[in-house]
Amino acid sequence: MATRQEFHFKPLNVGRWIIWGLFALVLFVAPRIWTSGLAQTMLTQMGIGVIACLAYNILLGQGGMLSFGHAVYSGMGAFLAIHALNMAGAGTLGIPVSLIPLVGGLAGLVVSALLGYVSTKKAGTPFAMITLGIGELVFALALMLPEFSGGEGGISSNRVIGKPVLGISFGPQIQVYYLVAVYCFICTAAMFALTRTPLGRMLNAVRDNPERVEFVGYDTHWVRFLAFMISGFFAGVAGGLGAINTEIVNGEVLHATRSGAYLLFTFLGGATFFFGPIIGAVLMVICGVLLSELTKAWLLYLGLIFLFMVMYAPGGFASLILMNLRVAAFGKLKQIWTSYLALFGTALPALVGAATMIEMLYHRQLNEALGPELKFMGATLNSAGLDAWFGAGFLIVVGAALFELVRRQYVREWGEIQEEIEKEIKRREAL
C-alpha cells in the first residue's frame, strides 16, 4: 500500500520582510533627504560603522568575547585595500573599485586566522588581555614597517580609476555612499543569517555555558575560532570601505583607541541585541563628528553617558527601546507617557546646569586668554563671576531634587505596569 506523502509549509515571516524592506528603503532614501556634503559623508561613515560594530558584536554580544584589539582586523583590511587600490590604479591588478572591500575582507580573514587561533584558546579575561597585547604589537609593528604602512603620513590613493562604467566613477560622495550602502545591507543580512545557523546557536551556547558545550562533545576553542575569523572578515570589509571613502590610511586605524570605540559604542547600542550595534554605529559617527565640533568636553560627556548606561541600562539603548515596545504592545504606554514627560522636564534643567559648569570650567582652563566670557546655548556667560556659577548650581540642585521625586513615582508606576503585563500573559496562556 502506497504511503501518502505529506508536505508542510513554513508560514512566511511577514514582519521580518517588512523590517528588512524598511532597512533597505532607509539606506536608499537617506542621502536624498540629507543632501549636503557633510550629511552624505556622515551617512557613509555610519554605513561603515554599522558593519564594523556588527562584526565586533559577533565576538562580544554573541560569543561573550571581550576584545580590546579588534581594530587590527579592520585596520589590516584598510591597509591591504589601499594597496590593492593603488595597484589597480597602476594597472598591475585587474580589479574594479567595487570589489576592493572584498580584498580588505580577505585580509581581515587571513590575519584573524593567523592571530585568532592563539587568542581563542582562552576565554574571559585572558582572552581580553591577549587581544590587547596583540593589538598593541601590530600597531607598533606597522610603524616599524613604513614600506607597508607609510609611516606617520600613511598611504594615500585615488579611488577614481579608469573610465566610468554606467556613469559610476566613485568620484562623487553619493556614489561612494551607495557602494557602502550595498555592502552594509549585504553584510548586515549575512551576519543576521549567521545568528540563525548552528554555528551561531553554538556560539551563544559557548557564551552562556561553555562547560555544558564541552560535555555534549563540541570543541569550544574551534567555535570561538570560527566566529573570530568570520568577525575578522566583516571587519576587514569595513576597513576596505573606509579606505575607499577617505582615500588615505595611516597607523591610527590599528590603534587601541579605535578598538575602544567599537567596544564602547557597541555596548551603548546594546550588545545583547542584533540591532544594538547599528544604533551604536550611528551614535559613534554623531559623537565623533558633530559632538566633537560643538564642545571640547565631548569625551567627558561621552564618558558620563557610558557610566550612566552601565549603571542603569546595561542592555544599552536597544534594551530601553524593546522594554517600551513591550509596554506599548500591551496598551500600557498611555499610562506612563506623562511620567516620561515629567522625567524629561525635570532632568533638563539639571543637565543644563551641569553642562554649563563643565563648559565654564573648560573655558577657564583652556581658553582663559580669550577672556572670562563665553557663549553657551545662545547665552553669554561670565566664567569669572559668581552669578553664572550660582545659577548653574541652582539648576542642578532644583532639577535633581524634582527629578528624584518624579523618578520614584515613575518606578512605582513601572512596577505596577509590569505586574499587569505578567498577569495578562498568564491569562492568555491559560486560555
Protein backbone atom coordinates (compact mmCIF):
# COMPACT_ATOMS: atom_id res chain seq x y z
CA MET A 1 0.00 0.00 0.00
CA ALA A 2 1.47 3.33 -1.08
CA THR A 3 2.09 5.81 1.69
CA ARG A 4 0.67 9.27 1.34
CA GLN A 5 3.30 11.97 1.01
CA GLU A 6 2.65 14.99 3.20
CA PHE A 7 4.00 18.48 2.67
CA HIS A 8 4.47 21.02 5.42
CA PHE A 9 4.86 24.67 4.53
CA LYS A 10 6.52 27.13 6.85
CA PRO A 11 4.49 30.36 7.09
CA LEU A 12 6.10 33.47 5.63
CA ASN A 13 7.57 35.78 8.25
CA VAL A 14 5.91 38.96 7.00
CA GLY A 15 7.26 41.09 9.84
CA ARG A 16 10.84 40.18 9.04
CA TRP A 17 10.37 41.03 5.35
CA ILE A 18 8.87 44.39 6.30
CA ILE A 19 11.79 45.21 8.61
CA TRP A 20 14.41 44.33 6.01
CA GLY A 21 12.47 46.21 3.35
CA LEU A 22 12.37 49.30 5.57
CA PHE A 23 16.10 48.94 6.24
CA ALA A 24 16.81 48.88 2.50
CA LEU A 25 14.46 51.83 1.97
CA VAL A 26 16.22 53.88 4.65
CA LEU A 27 19.60 53.16 3.08
CA PHE A 28 18.25 54.25 -0.32
CA VAL A 29 16.43 57.45 0.60
CA ALA A 30 18.74 58.77 3.36
CA PRO A 31 21.12 60.72 1.04
CA ARG A 32 18.12 62.13 -0.82
CA ILE A 33 16.76 63.60 2.39
CA TRP A 34 20.08 64.84 3.77
CA THR A 35 21.73 66.18 0.63
CA SER A 36 24.60 68.24 1.99
CA GLY A 37 28.19 67.05 1.61
CA LEU A 38 28.65 66.76 5.37
CA ALA A 39 25.47 64.72 5.74
CA GLN A 40 26.42 62.31 2.96
CA THR A 41 29.90 61.89 4.44
CA MET A 42 28.38 61.13 7.83
CA LEU A 43 25.92 58.66 6.29
CA THR A 44 28.82 56.91 4.56
CA GLN A 45 30.72 56.67 7.84
CA MET A 46 27.59 55.33 9.55
CA GLY A 47 27.28 52.55 6.99
CA ILE A 48 30.92 51.57 7.51
CA GLY A 49 30.46 51.78 11.28
CA VAL A 50 27.41 49.50 11.15
CA ILE A 51 29.47 46.75 9.51
CA ALA A 52 32.38 47.23 11.93
CA CYS A 53 30.22 47.26 15.08
CA LEU A 54 28.15 44.26 13.96
CA ALA A 55 31.38 42.40 13.21
CA TYR A 56 32.68 43.23 16.67
CA ASN A 57 29.40 42.13 18.22
CA ILE A 58 29.87 38.62 16.81
CA LEU A 59 32.57 38.37 19.46
CA LEU A 60 31.16 40.47 22.29
CA GLY A 61 27.40 40.02 22.13
CA GLN A 62 27.05 36.59 20.56
CA GLY A 63 30.22 34.92 21.79
CA GLY A 64 30.87 36.71 25.07
CA MET A 65 34.45 37.50 23.98
CA LEU A 66 35.66 40.90 25.13
CA SER A 67 38.26 42.03 22.59
CA PHE A 68 40.47 45.08 23.03
CA GLY A 69 42.23 44.73 19.69
CA HIS A 70 39.60 44.33 17.01
CA ALA A 71 40.89 47.39 15.14
CA VAL A 72 43.74 45.15 13.99
CA TYR A 73 41.45 43.36 11.54
CA SER A 74 39.59 46.38 10.21
CA GLY A 75 42.93 48.23 10.04
CA MET A 76 44.73 45.47 8.17
CA GLY A 77 41.77 45.28 5.82
CA ALA A 78 42.13 49.02 5.21
CA PHE A 79 45.88 48.75 4.51
CA LEU A 80 45.55 45.84 2.09
CA ALA A 81 42.62 47.56 0.40
CA ILE A 82 44.55 50.80 -0.13
CA HIS A 83 47.50 48.84 -1.55
CA ALA A 84 45.13 46.97 -3.87
CA LEU A 85 43.57 50.28 -4.91
CA ASN A 86 46.99 51.69 -5.80
CA MET A 87 47.86 48.55 -7.73
CA ALA A 88 44.57 48.72 -9.61
CA GLY A 89 45.25 52.37 -10.44
CA ALA A 90 48.72 51.45 -11.73
CA GLY A 91 47.26 48.66 -13.89
CA THR A 92 49.09 45.83 -12.11
CA LEU A 93 45.92 44.43 -10.54
CA GLY A 94 42.81 43.95 -12.59
CA ILE A 95 40.07 44.53 -10.05
CA PRO A 96 37.25 47.10 -10.03
CA VAL A 97 36.89 49.55 -7.17
CA SER A 98 33.59 47.97 -6.16
CA LEU A 99 35.41 44.73 -5.22
CA ILE A 100 38.24 46.37 -3.27
CA PRO A 101 36.34 45.94 0.05
CA LEU A 102 36.44 42.17 -0.51
CA VAL A 103 40.23 42.43 -0.62
CA GLY A 104 40.01 44.07 2.79
CA GLY A 105 37.69 41.30 3.94
CA LEU A 106 40.10 38.59 2.82
CA ALA A 107 42.94 40.42 4.57
CA GLY A 108 40.93 40.56 7.78
CA LEU A 109 40.09 36.87 7.40
CA VAL A 110 43.72 35.83 6.91
CA VAL A 111 45.05 37.97 9.77
CA SER A 112 42.28 36.80 12.12
CA ALA A 113 43.07 33.20 11.17
CA LEU A 114 46.76 33.73 12.00
CA LEU A 115 46.21 35.58 15.26
CA GLY A 116 42.85 34.21 16.32
CA TYR A 117 43.90 30.61 16.83
CA VAL A 118 46.13 31.65 19.72
CA SER A 119 43.71 34.27 21.06
CA THR A 120 40.68 31.97 21.19
CA LYS A 121 42.47 29.25 23.13
CA LYS A 122 41.49 31.27 26.18
CA ALA A 123 38.24 32.94 27.18
CA GLY A 124 37.20 35.68 29.58
CA THR A 125 39.91 37.94 31.00
CA PRO A 126 42.88 36.05 29.46
CA PHE A 127 41.31 36.43 26.00
CA ALA A 128 40.82 40.16 26.56
CA MET A 129 44.42 40.62 27.66
CA ILE A 130 45.75 38.60 24.71
CA THR A 131 43.80 40.73 22.23
CA LEU A 132 45.04 43.90 23.90
CA GLY A 133 48.65 42.73 23.63
CA ILE A 134 48.26 41.64 20.02
CA GLY A 135 46.63 44.95 19.15
CA GLU A 136 49.50 46.96 20.60
CA LEU A 137 52.04 44.64 18.97
CA VAL A 138 50.54 45.02 15.49
CA PHE A 139 50.23 48.79 15.90
CA ALA A 140 53.90 49.10 16.87
CA LEU A 141 54.96 46.74 14.10
CA ALA A 142 53.09 48.76 11.48
CA LEU A 143 55.00 51.89 12.43
CA MET A 144 58.27 49.96 12.10
CA LEU A 145 57.41 48.97 8.51
CA PRO A 146 56.96 52.26 6.64
CA GLU A 147 57.02 50.42 3.31
CA PHE A 148 53.75 48.80 4.30
CA SER A 149 52.09 51.45 6.48
CA GLY A 150 53.56 54.62 5.01
CA GLY A 151 54.90 55.69 8.39
CA GLU A 152 53.20 58.55 10.20
CA GLY A 153 51.95 60.07 6.95
CA GLY A 154 50.16 56.90 5.90
CA ILE A 155 49.35 55.75 2.37
CA SER A 156 47.12 57.73 0.05
CA SER A 157 45.34 56.66 -3.10
CA ASN A 158 42.78 57.72 -5.69
CA ARG A 159 39.52 55.83 -5.92
CA VAL A 160 38.70 57.19 -9.40
CA ILE A 161 40.25 54.56 -11.68
CA GLY A 162 39.78 54.23 -15.42
CA LYS A 163 36.69 55.26 -17.34
CA PRO A 164 33.29 55.50 -15.63
CA VAL A 165 31.00 52.47 -16.01
CA LEU A 166 27.34 53.45 -16.44
CA GLY A 167 28.33 56.90 -15.18
CA ILE A 168 29.79 55.50 -11.97
CA SER A 169 33.32 56.69 -11.24
CA PHE A 170 33.14 56.76 -7.41
CA GLY A 171 34.32 60.33 -7.53
CA PRO A 172 31.15 61.94 -6.09
CA GLN A 173 30.50 61.19 -2.44
CA ILE A 174 26.96 59.94 -3.11
CA GLN A 175 28.33 57.16 -5.33
CA VAL A 176 30.66 56.06 -2.55
CA TYR A 177 27.71 56.15 -0.17
CA TYR A 178 25.63 53.81 -2.30
CA LEU A 179 28.58 51.43 -2.58
CA VAL A 180 28.81 51.43 1.22
CA ALA A 181 25.02 51.05 1.47
CA VAL A 182 25.04 47.93 -0.72
CA TYR A 183 27.82 46.35 1.32
CA CYS A 184 26.12 47.44 4.54
CA PHE A 185 22.85 45.73 3.59
CA ILE A 186 24.51 42.52 2.36
CA CYS A 187 26.88 42.26 5.34
CA THR A 188 24.11 43.00 7.84
CA ALA A 189 21.90 40.32 6.27
CA ALA A 190 24.78 37.84 6.26
CA MET A 191 25.63 38.47 9.91
CA PHE A 192 21.95 38.16 10.86
CA ALA A 193 21.79 34.87 8.96
CA LEU A 194 24.81 33.70 10.97
CA THR A 195 22.79 34.05 14.17
CA ARG A 196 20.27 31.54 12.77
CA THR A 197 22.85 28.90 11.81
CA PRO A 198 24.00 26.00 14.02
CA LEU A 199 27.34 27.80 14.42
CA GLY A 200 25.58 30.93 15.62
CA ARG A 201 23.47 28.97 18.10
CA MET A 202 26.50 27.07 19.34
CA LEU A 203 28.38 30.36 19.74
CA ASN A 204 25.60 31.57 22.04
CA ALA A 205 25.86 28.31 23.98
CA VAL A 206 29.62 28.75 24.37
CA ARG A 207 28.95 32.25 25.69
CA ASP A 208 26.36 31.08 28.23
CA ASN A 209 27.68 27.68 29.34
CA PRO A 210 31.00 26.53 27.84
CA GLU A 211 31.27 23.58 30.24
CA ARG A 212 27.96 22.19 29.02
CA VAL A 213 29.06 22.60 25.40
CA GLU A 214 32.25 20.66 26.09
CA PHE A 215 30.19 17.98 27.86
CA VAL A 216 28.00 17.34 24.81
CA GLY A 217 31.05 16.94 22.59
CA TYR A 218 31.76 20.31 20.96
CA ASP A 219 35.17 21.96 20.94
CA THR A 220 34.62 25.45 22.35
CA HIS A 221 38.00 26.62 21.03
CA TRP A 222 37.02 25.87 17.43
CA VAL A 223 33.62 27.50 17.85
CA ARG A 224 35.28 30.69 19.11
CA PHE A 225 37.97 30.47 16.42
CA LEU A 226 35.47 30.17 13.56
CA ALA A 227 33.46 33.08 14.92
CA PHE A 228 36.67 35.08 15.30
CA MET A 229 37.56 34.54 11.63
CA ILE A 230 34.06 35.48 10.45
CA SER A 231 34.22 38.61 12.56
CA GLY A 232 37.65 39.43 11.14
CA PHE A 233 36.34 39.08 7.58
CA PHE A 234 33.50 41.56 8.07
CA ALA A 235 35.78 43.92 10.00
CA GLY A 236 38.16 43.82 7.02
CA VAL A 237 35.29 44.68 4.67
CA ALA A 238 34.55 47.73 6.84
CA GLY A 239 38.21 48.69 6.72
CA GLY A 240 38.28 48.36 2.92
CA LEU A 241 35.23 50.58 2.58
CA GLY A 242 36.86 53.12 4.90
CA ALA A 243 39.97 53.15 2.69
CA ILE A 244 37.85 53.90 -0.39
CA ASN A 245 35.94 56.60 1.44
CA THR A 246 38.91 58.53 2.86
CA GLU A 247 41.49 57.60 0.19
CA ILE A 248 44.17 57.55 2.89
CA VAL A 249 45.13 55.02 5.57
CA ASN A 250 47.60 55.54 8.41
CA GLY A 251 48.59 53.77 11.59
CA GLU A 252 45.69 55.21 13.55
CA VAL A 253 43.35 52.62 12.04
CA LEU A 254 45.22 50.00 14.11
CA HIS A 255 45.31 51.98 17.35
CA ALA A 256 43.66 50.78 20.55
CA THR A 257 41.51 53.94 20.50
CA ARG A 258 39.54 52.57 17.57
CA SER A 259 39.15 49.19 19.26
CA GLY A 260 37.87 51.03 22.33
CA ALA A 261 35.37 52.94 20.18
CA TYR A 262 34.00 49.67 18.78
CA LEU A 263 33.61 48.32 22.31
CA LEU A 264 32.11 51.48 23.80
CA PHE A 265 29.51 52.16 21.12
CA THR A 266 28.57 48.51 20.62
CA PHE A 267 27.85 48.40 24.35
CA LEU A 268 25.94 51.68 24.27
CA GLY A 269 23.80 50.48 21.39
CA GLY A 270 23.10 47.13 23.05
CA ALA A 271 25.47 44.20 22.62
CA THR A 272 22.85 41.59 23.54
CA PHE A 273 20.57 42.58 20.65
CA PHE A 274 21.35 42.26 16.96
CA PHE A 275 20.24 45.79 16.08
CA GLY A 276 22.02 47.32 19.07
CA PRO A 277 25.38 47.80 17.28
CA ILE A 278 23.53 49.57 14.46
CA ILE A 279 22.34 52.17 16.97
CA GLY A 280 25.86 52.29 18.40
CA ALA A 281 27.40 52.93 14.97
CA VAL A 282 25.07 55.87 14.38
CA LEU A 283 25.96 57.30 17.80
CA MET A 284 29.67 56.76 17.09
CA VAL A 285 29.57 58.97 14.00
CA ILE A 286 27.36 61.60 15.62
CA CYS A 287 29.69 61.88 18.62
CA GLY A 288 32.84 61.80 16.55
CA VAL A 289 31.70 64.41 14.02
CA LEU A 290 29.00 66.65 15.49
CA LEU A 291 29.50 66.49 19.25
CA SER A 292 33.26 66.93 18.94
CA GLU A 293 32.66 70.12 16.95
CA LEU A 294 30.19 71.54 19.47
CA THR A 295 32.32 71.22 22.58
CA LYS A 296 35.86 70.37 23.64
CA ALA A 297 34.42 68.43 26.57
CA TRP A 298 32.68 65.87 24.35
CA LEU A 299 34.77 62.98 25.67
CA LEU A 300 33.71 63.88 29.21
CA TYR A 301 30.04 63.89 28.19
CA LEU A 302 30.53 60.58 26.40
CA GLY A 303 32.16 59.08 29.46
CA LEU A 304 29.31 60.23 31.69
CA ILE A 305 26.75 58.74 29.29
CA PHE A 306 28.65 55.46 29.26
CA LEU A 307 28.84 55.44 33.07
CA PHE A 308 25.10 56.12 33.34
CA MET A 309 24.26 53.33 30.87
CA VAL A 310 26.48 50.83 32.68
CA MET A 311 24.80 51.64 35.99
CA TYR A 312 21.15 51.93 34.96
CA ALA A 313 20.74 50.38 31.48
CA PRO A 314 23.41 47.72 30.89
CA GLY A 315 21.41 46.42 27.95
CA GLY A 316 22.08 49.63 26.03
CA PHE A 317 19.64 51.79 24.12
CA ALA A 318 18.25 48.71 22.36
CA SER A 319 17.01 47.33 25.68
CA LEU A 320 15.28 50.62 26.51
CA ILE A 321 13.53 50.58 23.14
CA LEU A 322 12.38 46.97 23.47
CA MET A 323 11.19 47.46 27.05
CA ASN A 324 8.92 50.30 25.96
CA LEU A 325 7.79 48.43 22.85
CA ARG A 326 6.67 45.61 25.15
CA VAL A 327 4.70 48.07 27.24
CA ALA A 328 3.16 49.59 24.10
CA ALA A 329 2.24 46.13 22.75
CA PHE A 330 0.07 45.57 25.82
CA GLY A 331 -1.51 49.02 25.53
CA LYS A 332 0.07 50.33 28.72
CA LEU A 333 2.20 53.14 27.31
CA LYS A 334 -0.60 55.67 27.73
CA GLN A 335 -0.39 55.12 31.49
CA ILE A 336 3.22 56.18 31.70
CA TRP A 337 3.92 58.71 28.94
CA THR A 338 3.17 61.62 31.28
CA SER A 339 5.85 60.32 33.62
CA TYR A 340 8.31 60.34 30.74
CA LEU A 341 7.47 63.99 30.08
CA ALA A 342 7.95 64.78 33.76
CA LEU A 343 11.29 62.95 33.83
CA PHE A 344 12.49 64.86 30.80
CA GLY A 345 11.23 68.19 32.12
CA THR A 346 12.96 67.81 35.48
CA ALA A 347 16.17 66.26 34.11
CA LEU A 348 16.65 69.01 31.51
CA PRO A 349 17.43 71.87 33.94
CA ALA A 350 19.82 69.66 35.92
CA LEU A 351 21.62 68.66 32.71
CA VAL A 352 21.78 72.24 31.51
CA GLY A 353 23.22 73.34 34.85
CA ALA A 354 25.84 70.58 34.82
CA ALA A 355 26.78 71.31 31.20
CA THR A 356 27.10 75.00 32.00
CA MET A 357 29.52 74.29 34.82
CA ILE A 358 31.58 71.95 32.63
CA GLU A 359 31.79 74.46 29.79
CA MET A 360 32.80 77.29 32.13
CA LEU A 361 35.44 75.09 33.75
CA TYR A 362 36.85 74.06 30.36
CA HIS A 363 36.82 77.69 29.24
CA ARG A 364 38.82 78.82 32.27
CA GLN A 365 41.33 76.00 31.86
CA LEU A 366 41.80 76.09 28.08
CA ASN A 367 40.64 79.47 26.80
CA GLU A 368 41.48 81.82 29.66
CA ALA A 369 43.50 84.05 27.29
CA LEU A 370 40.27 84.85 25.38
CA GLY A 371 38.71 86.45 28.43
CA PRO A 372 36.19 85.25 31.01
CA GLU A 373 33.12 85.42 28.74
CA LEU A 374 31.86 82.52 26.65
CA LYS A 375 28.74 81.74 24.69
CA PHE A 376 26.74 78.66 25.62
CA MET A 377 23.30 77.72 24.31
CA GLY A 378 22.75 81.21 22.97
CA ALA A 379 23.64 82.95 26.24
CA THR A 380 26.77 84.89 27.18
CA LEU A 381 28.24 83.64 30.45
CA ASN A 382 30.89 85.24 32.62
CA SER A 383 33.00 82.41 33.97
CA ALA A 384 34.75 84.79 36.38
CA GLY A 385 31.53 85.94 38.06
CA LEU A 386 29.57 84.23 40.80
CA ASP A 387 26.20 84.73 39.11
CA ALA A 388 26.79 82.14 36.37
CA TRP A 389 28.17 79.59 38.81
CA PHE A 390 25.34 80.15 41.28
CA GLY A 391 22.72 79.90 38.53
CA ALA A 392 24.21 76.65 37.24
CA GLY A 393 24.36 75.20 40.74
CA PHE A 394 20.76 76.25 41.41
CA LEU A 395 19.58 74.48 38.25
CA ILE A 396 21.44 71.32 39.25
CA VAL A 397 20.06 71.22 42.80
CA VAL A 398 16.45 72.06 41.93
CA GLY A 399 16.38 69.88 38.82
CA ALA A 400 17.96 66.89 40.61
CA ALA A 401 15.54 67.17 43.55
CA LEU A 402 12.47 67.34 41.29
CA PHE A 403 13.85 64.54 39.13
CA GLU A 404 14.24 62.27 42.16
CA LEU A 405 10.62 62.87 43.19
CA VAL A 406 9.38 62.13 39.68
CA ARG A 407 11.67 59.10 39.37
CA ARG A 408 10.20 57.48 42.46
CA GLN A 409 6.70 57.94 41.08
CA TYR A 410 7.83 56.53 37.74
CA VAL A 411 9.41 53.45 39.36
CA ARG A 412 6.17 52.78 41.19
CA GLU A 413 4.07 53.11 38.02
CA TRP A 414 6.52 50.99 36.02
CA GLY A 415 6.35 48.20 38.61
CA GLU A 416 2.55 48.22 38.55
CA ILE A 417 2.51 48.08 34.75
CA GLN A 418 4.91 45.12 34.70
CA GLU A 419 2.68 43.27 37.18
CA GLU A 420 -0.35 43.92 34.97
CA ILE A 421 1.55 42.66 31.91
CA GLU A 422 2.60 39.45 33.69
CA LYS A 423 -0.98 38.83 34.78
CA GLU A 424 -2.18 39.37 31.21
CA ILE A 425 0.44 36.95 29.88
CA LYS A 426 -0.65 34.26 32.37
CA ARG A 427 -4.30 34.86 31.47
CA ARG A 428 -3.56 34.38 27.77
CA GLU A 429 -1.57 31.23 28.47
CA ALA A 430 -4.45 29.80 30.47
CA LEU A 431 -6.92 30.23 27.55
